[in-house]
Amino acid sequence: MNQLTAFERALLAQFETLVSTSETSLEASEATSKQLQALYGNVQKRLDKIEQKQSEIEHFQAQLLRSFNTQ
């Protein structure tokens, strides 16, 4: 390391900073990805429940229509 010129030491320091920043960015991206996956799972569960309720409502509406038509 002592054999490096001032310019080379400065480049090395910049590279080390870049590596550190990149690692931090990667960790943040991975954390965000995990959060998005969890959010997607929650949204999918809620969507499934909504679709199930919608199906139940449509079934009930069909029963009501049949009931009204037979009166």
PDB file of N, CA and C in Angstrom:
ATOM      1  N   MET A   1       0.828  -1.188   0.000  1.00  0.00           N
ATOM      2  CA  MET A   1       0.000   0.000   0.000  1.00  0.00           C
ATOM      3  C   MET A   1       0.872   1.250   0.000  1.00  0.00           C
ATOM      4  N   ASN A   2       2.031   1.191   0.661  1.00  0.00           N
ATOM      5  CA  ASN A   2       2.928   2.346   0.712  1.00  0.00           C
ATOM      6  C   ASN A   2       3.534   2.648  -0.646  1.00  0.00           C
ATOM      7  N   GLN A   3       3.517   1.684  -1.536  1.00  0.00           N
ATOM      8  CA  GLN A   3       4.113   1.889  -2.850  1.00  0.00           C
ATOM      9  C   GLN A   3       3.149   2.583  -3.811  1.00  0.00           C
ATOM     10  N   LEU A   4       1.926   2.795  -3.393  1.00  0.00           N
ATOM     11  CA  LEU A   4       0.943   3.455  -4.253  1.00  0.00           C
ATOM     12  C   LEU A   4       1.176   4.961  -4.264  1.00  0.00           C
ATOM     13  N   THR A   5       0.906   5.542  -5.388  1.00  0.00           N
ATOM     14  CA  THR A   5       0.977   7.009  -5.477  1.00  0.00           C
ATOM     15  C   THR A   5      -0.255   7.601  -4.802  1.00  0.00           C
ATOM     16  N   ALA A   6      -0.219   8.885  -4.574  1.00  0.00           N
ATOM     17  CA  ALA A   6      -1.363   9.567  -3.957  1.00  0.00           C
ATOM     18  C   ALA A   6      -2.605   9.403  -4.827  1.00  0.00           C
ATOM     19  N   PHE A   7      -2.423   9.483  -6.121  1.00  0.00           N
ATOM     20  CA  PHE A   7      -3.542   9.319  -7.050  1.00  0.00           C
ATOM     21  C   PHE A   7      -4.117   7.909  -6.943  1.00  0.00           C
ATOM     22  N   GLU A   8      -3.247   6.900  -6.892  1.00  0.00           N
ATOM     23  CA  GLU A   8      -3.705   5.507  -6.786  1.00  0.00           C
ATOM     24  C   GLU A   8      -4.419   5.268  -5.461  1.00  0.00           C
ATOM     25  N   ARG A   9      -3.892   5.867  -4.379  1.00  0.00           N
ATOM     26  CA  ARG A   9      -4.556   5.727  -3.071  1.00  0.00           C
ATOM     27  C   ARG A   9      -5.942   6.375  -3.100  1.00  0.00           C
ATOM     28  N   ALA A  10      -6.040   7.518  -3.773  1.00  0.00           N
ATOM     29  CA  ALA A  10      -7.334   8.197  -3.885  1.00  0.00           C
ATOM     30  C   ALA A  10      -8.313   7.353  -4.697  1.00  0.00           C
ATOM     31  N   LEU A  11      -7.827   6.762  -5.789  1.00  0.00           N
ATOM     32  CA  LEU A  11      -8.684   5.880  -6.589  1.00  0.00           C
ATOM     33  C   LEU A  11      -9.128   4.669  -5.778  1.00  0.00           C
ATOM     34  N   LEU A  12      -8.199   4.099  -5.030  1.00  0.00           N
ATOM     35  CA  LEU A  12      -8.525   2.945  -4.197  1.00  0.00           C
ATOM     36  C   LEU A  12      -9.569   3.323  -3.146  1.00  0.00           C
ATOM     37  N   ALA A  13      -9.412   4.479  -2.537  1.00  0.00           N
ATOM     38  CA  ALA A  13     -10.379   4.937  -1.532  1.00  0.00           C
ATOM     39  C   ALA A  13     -11.753   5.134  -2.166  1.00  0.00           C
ATOM     40  N   GLN A  14     -11.781   5.707  -3.361  1.00  0.00           N
ATOM     41  CA  GLN A  14     -13.057   5.886  -4.056  1.00  0.00           C
ATOM     42  C   GLN A  14     -13.690   4.541  -4.393  1.00  0.00           C
ATOM     43  N   PHE A  15     -12.870   3.599  -4.812  1.00  0.00           N
ATOM     44  CA  PHE A  15     -13.375   2.270  -5.134  1.00  0.00           C
ATOM     45  C   PHE A  15     -13.941   1.594  -3.888  1.00  0.00           C
ATOM     46  N   GLU A  16     -13.231   1.709  -2.762  1.00  0.00           N
ATOM     47  CA  GLU A  16     -13.719   1.115  -1.512  1.00  0.00           C
ATOM     48  C   GLU A  16     -15.046   1.746  -1.094  1.00  0.00           C
ATOM     49  N   THR A  17     -15.156   3.053  -1.281  1.00  0.00           N
ATOM     50  CA  THR A  17     -16.418   3.738  -0.974  1.00  0.00           C
ATOM     51  C   THR A  17     -17.529   3.247  -1.889  1.00  0.00           C
ATOM     52  N   LEU A  18     -17.204   3.096  -3.159  1.00  0.00           N
ATOM     53  CA  LEU A  18     -18.187   2.596  -4.123  1.00  0.00           C
ATOM     54  C   LEU A  18     -18.649   1.190  -3.760  1.00  0.00           C
ATOM     55  N   VAL A  19     -17.717   0.331  -3.375  1.00  0.00           N
ATOM     56  CA  VAL A  19     -18.063  -1.035  -2.976  1.00  0.00           C
ATOM     57  C   VAL A  19     -18.973  -1.008  -1.755  1.00  0.00           C
ATOM     58  N   SER A  20     -18.614  -0.209  -0.773  1.00  0.00           N
ATOM     59  CA  SER A  20     -19.424  -0.115   0.445  1.00  0.00           C
ATOM     60  C   SER A  20     -20.829   0.396   0.135  1.00  0.00           C
ATOM     61  N   THR A  21     -20.902   1.424  -0.698  1.00  0.00           N
ATOM     62  CA  THR A  21     -22.206   1.973  -1.080  1.00  0.00           C
ATOM     63  C   THR A  21     -23.028   0.952  -1.852  1.00  0.00           C
ATOM     64  N   SER A  22     -22.373   0.223  -2.731  1.00  0.00           N
ATOM     65  CA  SER A  22     -23.070  -0.802  -3.514  1.00  0.00           C
ATOM     66  C   SER A  22     -23.604  -1.907  -2.614  1.00  0.00           C
ATOM     67  N   GLU A  23     -22.806  -2.310  -1.626  1.00  0.00           N
ATOM     68  CA  GLU A  23     -23.259  -3.349  -0.693  1.00  0.00           C
ATOM     69  C   GLU A  23     -24.461  -2.864   0.105  1.00  0.00           C
ATOM     70  N   THR A  24     -24.406  -1.614   0.551  1.00  0.00           N
ATOM     71  CA  THR A  24     -25.531  -1.041   1.296  1.00  0.00           C
ATOM     72  C   THR A  24     -26.775  -0.977   0.418  1.00  0.00           C
ATOM     73  N   SER A  25     -26.587  -0.573  -0.820  1.00  0.00           N
ATOM     74  CA  SER A  25     -27.707  -0.495  -1.757  1.00  0.00           C
ATOM     75  C   SER A  25     -28.302  -1.872  -2.020  1.00  0.00           C
ATOM     76  N   LEU A  26     -27.445  -2.861  -2.172  1.00  0.00           N
ATOM     77  CA  LEU A  26     -27.917  -4.227  -2.399  1.00  0.00           C
ATOM     78  C   LEU A  26     -28.717  -4.727  -1.203  1.00  0.00           C
ATOM     79  N   GLU A  27     -28.220  -4.472   0.002  1.00  0.00           N
ATOM     80  CA  GLU A  27     -28.942  -4.890   1.207  1.00  0.00           C
ATOM     81  C   GLU A  27     -30.307  -4.212   1.276  1.00  0.00           C
ATOM     82  N   ALA A  28     -30.350  -2.929   0.944  1.00  0.00           N
ATOM     83  CA  ALA A  28     -31.627  -2.206   0.957  1.00  0.00           C
ATOM     84  C   ALA A  28     -32.572  -2.767  -0.099  1.00  0.00           C
ATOM     85  N   SER A  29     -32.036  -3.092  -1.262  1.00  0.00           N
ATOM     86  CA  SER A  29     -32.869  -3.666  -2.328  1.00  0.00           C
ATOM     87  C   SER A  29     -33.428  -5.023  -1.917  1.00  0.00           C
ATOM     88  N   GLU A  30     -32.600  -5.829  -1.276  1.00  0.00           N
ATOM     89  CA  GLU A  30     -33.069  -7.144  -0.823  1.00  0.00           C
ATOM     90  C   GLU A  30     -34.145  -6.995   0.241  1.00  0.00           C
ATOM     91  N   ALA A  31     -33.966  -6.048   1.156  1.00  0.00           N
ATOM     92  CA  ALA A  31     -34.978  -5.810   2.193  1.00  0.00           C
ATOM     93  C   ALA A  31     -36.282  -5.329   1.563  1.00  0.00           C
ATOM     94  N   THR A  32     -36.177  -4.433   0.602  1.00  0.00           N
ATOM     95  CA  THR A  32     -37.369  -3.937  -0.093  1.00  0.00           C
ATOM     96  C   THR A  32     -38.066  -5.064  -0.834  1.00  0.00           C
ATOM     97  N   SER A  33     -37.290  -5.927  -1.457  1.00  0.00           N
ATOM     98  CA  SER A  33     -37.862  -7.062  -2.184  1.00  0.00           C
ATOM     99  C   SER A  33     -38.636  -7.974  -1.235  1.00  0.00           C
ATOM    100  N   LYS A  34     -38.078  -8.240  -0.068  1.00  0.00           N
ATOM    101  CA  LYS A  34     -38.772  -9.084   0.914  1.00  0.00           C
ATOM    102  C   LYS A  34     -40.062  -8.424   1.378  1.00  0.00           C
ATOM    103  N   GLN A  35     -40.012  -7.111   1.602  1.00  0.00           N
ATOM    104  CA  GLN A  35     -41.214  -6.394   2.021  1.00  0.00           C
ATOM    105  C   GLN A  35     -42.280  -6.433   0.933  1.00  0.00           C
ATOM    106  N   LEU A  36     -41.863  -6.270  -0.308  1.00  0.00           N
ATOM    107  CA  LEU A  36     -42.819  -6.316  -1.418  1.00  0.00           C
ATOM    108  C   LEU A  36     -43.425  -7.705  -1.574  1.00  0.00           C
ATOM    109  N   GLN A  37     -42.620  -8.743  -1.359  1.00  0.00           N
ATOM    110  CA  GLN A  37     -43.150 -10.105  -1.438  1.00  0.00           C
ATOM    111  C   GLN A  37     -44.190 -10.331  -0.352  1.00  0.00           C
ATOM    112  N   ALA A  38     -43.909  -9.848   0.859  1.00  0.00           N
ATOM    113  CA  ALA A  38     -44.871  -9.985   1.955  1.00  0.00           C
ATOM    114  C   ALA A  38     -46.145  -9.201   1.645  1.00  0.00           C
ATOM    115  N   LEU A  39     -45.982  -8.000   1.138  1.00  0.00           N
ATOM    116  CA  LEU A  39     -47.139  -7.182   0.778  1.00  0.00           C
ATOM    117  C   LEU A  39     -47.957  -7.855  -0.311  1.00  0.00           C
ATOM    118  N   TYR A  40     -47.292  -8.405  -1.317  1.00  0.00           N
ATOM    119  CA  TYR A  40     -47.987  -9.113  -2.392  1.00  0.00           C
ATOM    120  C   TYR A  40     -48.791 -10.281  -1.819  1.00  0.00           C
ATOM    121  N   GLY A  41     -48.192 -11.016  -0.888  1.00  0.00           N
ATOM    122  CA  GLY A  41     -48.900 -12.129  -0.261  1.00  0.00           C
ATOM    123  C   GLY A  41     -50.148 -11.660   0.465  1.00  0.00           C
ATOM    124  N   ASN A  42     -50.030 -10.554   1.199  1.00  0.00           N
ATOM    125  CA  ASN A  42     -51.186 -10.013   1.913  1.00  0.00           C
ATOM    126  C   ASN A  42     -52.264  -9.533   0.950  1.00  0.00           C
ATOM    127  N   VAL A  43     -51.853  -8.859  -0.102  1.00  0.00           N
ATOM    128  CA  VAL A  43     -52.814  -8.374  -1.097  1.00  0.00           C
ATOM    129  C   VAL A  43     -53.513  -9.551  -1.769  1.00  0.00           C
ATOM    130  N   GLN A  44     -52.763 -10.588  -2.089  1.00  0.00           N
ATOM    131  CA  GLN A  44     -53.345 -11.763  -2.738  1.00  0.00           C
ATOM    132  C   GLN A  44     -54.378 -12.430  -1.830  1.00  0.00           C
ATOM    133  N   LYS A  45     -54.077 -12.524  -0.533  1.00  0.00           N
ATOM    134  CA  LYS A  45     -55.035 -13.108   0.412  1.00  0.00           C
ATOM    135  C   LYS A  45     -56.309 -12.275   0.472  1.00  0.00           C
ATOM    136  N   ARG A  46     -56.145 -10.951   0.541  1.00  0.00           N
ATOM    137  CA  ARG A  46     -57.321 -10.075   0.589  1.00  0.00           C
ATOM    138  C   ARG A  46     -58.124 -10.168  -0.699  1.00  0.00           C
ATOM    139  N   LEU A  47     -57.438 -10.230  -1.820  1.00  0.00           N
ATOM    140  CA  LEU A  47     -58.125 -10.358  -3.104  1.00  0.00           C
ATOM    141  C   LEU A  47     -58.905 -11.667  -3.164  1.00  0.00           C
ATOM    142  N   ASP A  48     -58.310 -12.743  -2.677  1.00  0.00           N
ATOM    143  CA  ASP A  48     -59.011 -14.029  -2.650  1.00  0.00           C
ATOM    144  C   ASP A  48     -60.278 -13.941  -1.800  1.00  0.00           C
ATOM    145  N   LYS A  49     -60.178 -13.276  -0.640  1.00  0.00           N
ATOM    146  CA  LYS A  49     -61.352 -13.116   0.223  1.00  0.00           C
ATOM    147  C   LYS A  49     -62.427 -12.274  -0.463  1.00  0.00           C
ATOM    148  N   ILE A  50     -62.003 -11.214  -1.129  1.00  0.00           N
ATOM    149  CA  ILE A  50     -62.957 -10.356  -1.844  1.00  0.00           C
ATOM    150  C   ILE A  50     -63.656 -11.141  -2.941  1.00  0.00           C
ATOM    151  N   GLU A  51     -62.888 -11.916  -3.692  1.00  0.00           N
ATOM    152  CA  GLU A  51     -63.487 -12.716  -4.765  1.00  0.00           C
ATOM    153  C   GLU A  51     -64.449 -13.754  -4.202  1.00  0.00           C
ATOM    154  N   GLN A  52     -64.102 -14.331  -3.058  1.00  0.00           N
ATOM    155  CA  GLN A  52     -64.990 -15.308  -2.430  1.00  0.00           C
ATOM    156  C   GLN A  52     -66.292 -14.627  -2.001  1.00  0.00           C
ATOM    157  N   LYS A  53     -66.182 -13.461  -1.372  1.00  0.00           N
ATOM    158  CA  LYS A  53     -67.379 -12.722  -0.954  1.00  0.00           C
ATOM    159  C   LYS A  53     -68.219 -12.321  -2.165  1.00  0.00           C
ATOM    160  N   GLN A  54     -67.560 -11.892  -3.225  1.00  0.00           N
ATOM    161  CA  GLN A  54     -68.282 -11.513  -4.441  1.00  0.00           C
ATOM    162  C   GLN A  54     -69.053 -12.706  -4.994  1.00  0.00           C
ATOM    163  N   SER A  55     -68.437 -13.860  -4.978  1.00  0.00           N
ATOM    164  CA  SER A  55     -69.103 -15.073  -5.452  1.00  0.00           C
ATOM    165  C   SER A  55     -70.312 -15.397  -4.574  1.00  0.00           C
ATOM    166  N   GLU A  56     -70.148 -15.242  -3.263  1.00  0.00           N
ATOM    167  CA  GLU A  56     -71.263 -15.491  -2.346  1.00  0.00           C
ATOM    168  C   GLU A  56     -72.408 -14.510  -2.613  1.00  0.00           C
ATOM    169  N   ILE A  57     -72.072 -13.252  -2.838  1.00  0.00           N
ATOM    170  CA  ILE A  57     -73.093 -12.237  -3.122  1.00  0.00           C
ATOM    171  C   ILE A  57     -73.819 -12.557  -4.421  1.00  0.00           C
ATOM    172  N   GLU A  58     -73.064 -12.927  -5.449  1.00  0.00           N
ATOM    173  CA  GLU A  58     -73.687 -13.270  -6.731  1.00  0.00           C
ATOM    174  C   GLU A  58     -74.606 -14.482  -6.581  1.00  0.00           C
ATOM    175  N   HIS A  59     -74.184 -15.453  -5.797  1.00  0.00           N
ATOM    176  CA  HIS A  59     -75.018 -16.634  -5.557  1.00  0.00           C
ATOM    177  C   HIS A  59     -76.300 -16.218  -4.833  1.00  0.00           C
ATOM    178  N   PHE A  60     -76.175 -15.367  -3.823  1.00  0.00           N
ATOM    179  CA  PHE A  60     -77.333 -14.893  -3.076  1.00  0.00           C
ATOM    180  C   PHE A  60     -78.272 -14.092  -3.984  1.00  0.00           C
ATOM    181  N   GLN A  61     -77.700 -13.253  -4.851  1.00  0.00           N
ATOM    182  CA  GLN A  61     -78.529 -12.487  -5.789  1.00  0.00           C
ATOM    183  C   GLN A  61     -79.299 -13.419  -6.719  1.00  0.00           C
ATOM    184  N   ALA A  62     -78.647 -14.457  -7.177  1.00  0.00           N
ATOM    185  CA  ALA A  62     -79.318 -15.418  -8.061  1.00  0.00           C
ATOM    186  C   ALA A  62     -80.461 -16.093  -7.323  1.00  0.00           C
ATOM    187  N   GLN A  63     -80.249 -16.439  -6.057  1.00  0.00           N
ATOM    188  CA  GLN A  63     -81.314 -17.045  -5.258  1.00  0.00           C
ATOM    189  C   GLN A  63     -82.485 -16.072  -5.106  1.00  0.00           C
ATOM    190  N   LEU A  64     -82.176 -14.800  -4.842  1.00  0.00           N
ATOM    191  CA  LEU A  64     -83.234 -13.797  -4.702  1.00  0.00           C
ATOM    192  C   LEU A  64     -84.034 -13.656  -5.993  1.00  0.00           C
ATOM    193  N   LEU A  65     -83.337 -13.607  -7.114  1.00  0.00           N
ATOM    194  CA  LEU A  65     -84.032 -13.491  -8.402  1.00  0.00           C
ATOM    195  C   LEU A  65     -84.948 -14.682  -8.646  1.00  0.00           C
ATOM    196  N   ARG A  66     -84.444 -15.876  -8.349  1.00  0.00           N
ATOM    197  CA  ARG A  66     -85.285 -17.073  -8.513  1.00  0.00           C
ATOM    198  C   ARG A  66     -86.494 -16.998  -7.593  1.00  0.00           C
ATOM    199  N   SER A  67     -86.268 -16.530  -6.378  1.00  0.00           N
ATOM    200  CA  SER A  67     -87.360 -16.413  -5.416  1.00  0.00           C
ATOM    201  C   SER A  67     -88.409 -15.408  -5.902  1.00  0.00           C
ATOM    202  N   PHE A  68     -87.965 -14.281  -6.409  1.00  0.00           N
ATOM    203  CA  PHE A  68     -88.900 -13.274  -6.921  1.00  0.00           C
ATOM    204  C   PHE A  68     -89.642 -13.776  -8.150  1.00  0.00           C
ATOM    205  N   ASN A  69     -88.961 -14.517  -8.980  1.00  0.00           N
ATOM    206  CA  ASN A  69     -89.581 -15.014 -10.214  1.00  0.00           C
ATOM    207  C   ASN A  69     -90.614 -16.106  -9.944  1.00  0.00           C
ATOM    208  N   THR A  70     -90.496 -16.792  -8.835  1.00  0.00           N
ATOM    209  CA  THR A  70     -91.461 -17.853  -8.526  1.00  0.00           C
ATOM    210  C   THR A  70     -92.669 -17.309  -7.777  1.00  0.00           C
ATOM    211  N   GLN A  71     -92.638 -16.081  -7.372  1.00  0.00           N
ATOM    212  CA  GLN A  71     -93.776 -15.505  -6.627  1.00  0.00           C
ATOM    213  C   GLN A  71     -94.841 -14.989  -7.544  1.00  0.00           C
TER     214      GLN A  71
END
